[in-house]
């Protein structure tokens, strides 16, 4: 038979775990809001859906995979849109936290 002391210790641990599960999501939500608030939103529209989007020299994803927009940290960024059948386009973008930007990209077809 378990002693009263061990049952009490188990209950204390269980209450601690349960309270952590209730408190942690609330803290995480505030932390996420703080992280998101230091970012800008960039919408990119391009007539070539399989063109690649590069941000600051790193591959990001294809245009077709961009649902609506993506977030960038405040500051200076280089956005490049590439496709092997088209001339690449480069954009130097300076964004501030909480702002929204739209890039409309029309890639020019390469000559044969």
Protein backbone atom coordinates (compact mmCIF):
# COMPACT_ATOMS: atom_id res chain seq x y z
CA UNK A 1 0.00 0.00 0.00
CA UNK A 2 1.39 3.40 -0.97
CA UNK A 3 2.16 5.83 1.77
CA UNK A 4 0.37 9.16 2.10
CA UNK A 5 3.67 10.95 1.52
CA UNK A 6 4.28 9.25 -1.88
CA UNK A 7 0.70 9.89 -3.00
CA UNK A 8 1.07 13.55 -2.03
CA UNK A 9 4.35 13.77 -3.95
CA UNK A 10 2.73 12.21 -7.04
CA UNK A 11 -0.17 14.66 -6.84
CA UNK A 12 2.23 17.60 -6.53
CA UNK A 13 4.14 16.46 -9.62
CA UNK A 14 0.91 15.92 -11.56
CA UNK A 15 -0.40 19.37 -10.64
CA UNK A 16 2.93 20.91 -11.64
CA UNK A 17 2.81 19.22 -15.06
CA UNK A 18 -0.82 20.20 -15.63
CA UNK A 19 -0.23 23.82 -14.65
CA UNK A 20 2.82 23.96 -16.94
CA UNK A 21 0.67 22.73 -19.83
CA UNK A 22 -1.86 25.48 -19.17
CA UNK A 23 0.67 28.29 -18.65
CA UNK A 24 3.20 27.43 -21.37
CA UNK A 25 0.88 27.92 -24.39
CA UNK A 26 -0.09 31.31 -23.04
CA UNK A 27 3.56 32.31 -22.71
CA UNK A 28 4.38 30.88 -26.11
CA UNK A 29 1.61 32.88 -27.75
CA UNK A 30 3.01 36.11 -26.37
CA UNK A 31 6.52 35.13 -27.41
CA UNK A 32 5.32 34.38 -30.94
CA UNK A 33 3.54 37.69 -31.14
CA UNK A 34 6.75 39.45 -30.18
CA UNK A 35 8.71 37.56 -32.82
CA UNK A 36 6.14 38.24 -35.53
CA UNK A 37 5.87 41.92 -34.70
CA UNK A 38 9.52 42.47 -35.67
CA UNK A 39 8.75 41.30 -39.21
CA UNK A 40 7.31 42.73 -42.38
CA UNK A 41 4.96 40.94 -44.76
CA UNK A 42 5.96 40.58 -48.41
CA UNK A 43 3.54 39.43 -51.10
CA UNK A 44 5.17 38.33 -54.35
CA UNK A 45 3.21 38.03 -57.59
CA UNK A 46 4.87 36.51 -60.64
CA UNK A 47 3.61 35.32 -64.02
CA UNK A 48 5.94 32.28 -63.99
CA UNK A 49 4.65 29.85 -61.31
CA UNK A 50 7.69 27.56 -61.35
CA UNK A 51 10.19 30.40 -60.94
CA UNK A 52 12.40 30.14 -57.85
CA UNK A 53 12.40 32.77 -55.11
CA UNK A 54 15.71 33.42 -53.38
CA UNK A 55 15.98 35.60 -50.27
CA UNK A 56 19.35 36.98 -49.20
CA UNK A 57 21.21 34.46 -51.37
CA UNK A 58 19.30 31.42 -50.09
CA UNK A 59 16.69 29.40 -51.91
CA UNK A 60 13.25 30.04 -50.41
CA UNK A 61 10.66 28.26 -52.61
CA UNK A 62 8.89 28.33 -55.96
CA UNK A 63 6.40 31.07 -56.72
CA UNK A 64 3.53 28.55 -56.92
CA UNK A 65 4.31 27.44 -53.35
CA UNK A 66 3.83 30.96 -51.99
CA UNK A 67 0.27 30.91 -50.72
CA UNK A 68 -0.23 34.61 -50.09
CA UNK A 69 2.78 36.25 -48.55
CA UNK A 70 5.85 35.58 -46.43
CA UNK A 71 7.47 37.32 -43.49
CA UNK A 72 10.86 38.99 -43.42
CA UNK A 73 12.73 40.44 -40.49
CA UNK A 74 13.03 44.19 -40.47
CA UNK A 75 16.08 45.41 -42.39
CA UNK A 76 17.67 45.18 -45.82
CA UNK A 77 16.98 42.16 -48.01
CA UNK A 78 17.76 41.00 -51.53
CA UNK A 79 14.93 39.17 -53.27
CA UNK A 80 15.74 37.31 -56.48
CA UNK A 81 13.31 35.54 -58.80
CA UNK A 82 14.99 32.99 -61.12
CA UNK A 83 13.97 30.66 -63.90
CA UNK A 84 16.25 29.00 -66.48
CA UNK A 85 14.03 30.16 -69.42
CA UNK A 86 13.80 33.79 -68.21
CA UNK A 87 16.07 36.63 -67.16
CA UNK A 88 16.35 36.85 -63.38
CA UNK A 89 14.97 39.85 -61.50
CA UNK A 90 16.59 41.29 -58.38
CA UNK A 91 15.07 43.56 -55.78
CA UNK A 92 16.76 45.36 -52.92
CA UNK A 93 14.07 45.74 -50.29
CA UNK A 94 14.25 47.71 -47.07
CA UNK A 95 11.45 46.72 -44.72
CA UNK A 96 10.30 47.92 -41.34
CA UNK A 97 8.50 45.85 -38.73
CA UNK A 98 4.75 45.73 -39.20
CA UNK A 99 4.80 46.93 -42.83
CA UNK A 100 3.40 45.17 -45.91
CA UNK A 101 5.01 45.14 -49.36
CA UNK A 102 3.93 43.74 -52.72
CA UNK A 103 6.40 42.79 -55.45
CA UNK A 104 4.94 42.32 -58.92
CA UNK A 105 7.48 40.43 -60.99
CA UNK A 106 7.32 40.07 -64.76
CA UNK A 107 10.15 37.90 -66.02
CA UNK A 108 11.41 38.50 -69.56
CA UNK A 109 11.79 35.39 -71.72
CA UNK A 110 15.37 34.59 -72.82
CA UNK A 111 16.06 34.67 -76.53
CA UNK A 112 16.91 31.31 -78.14
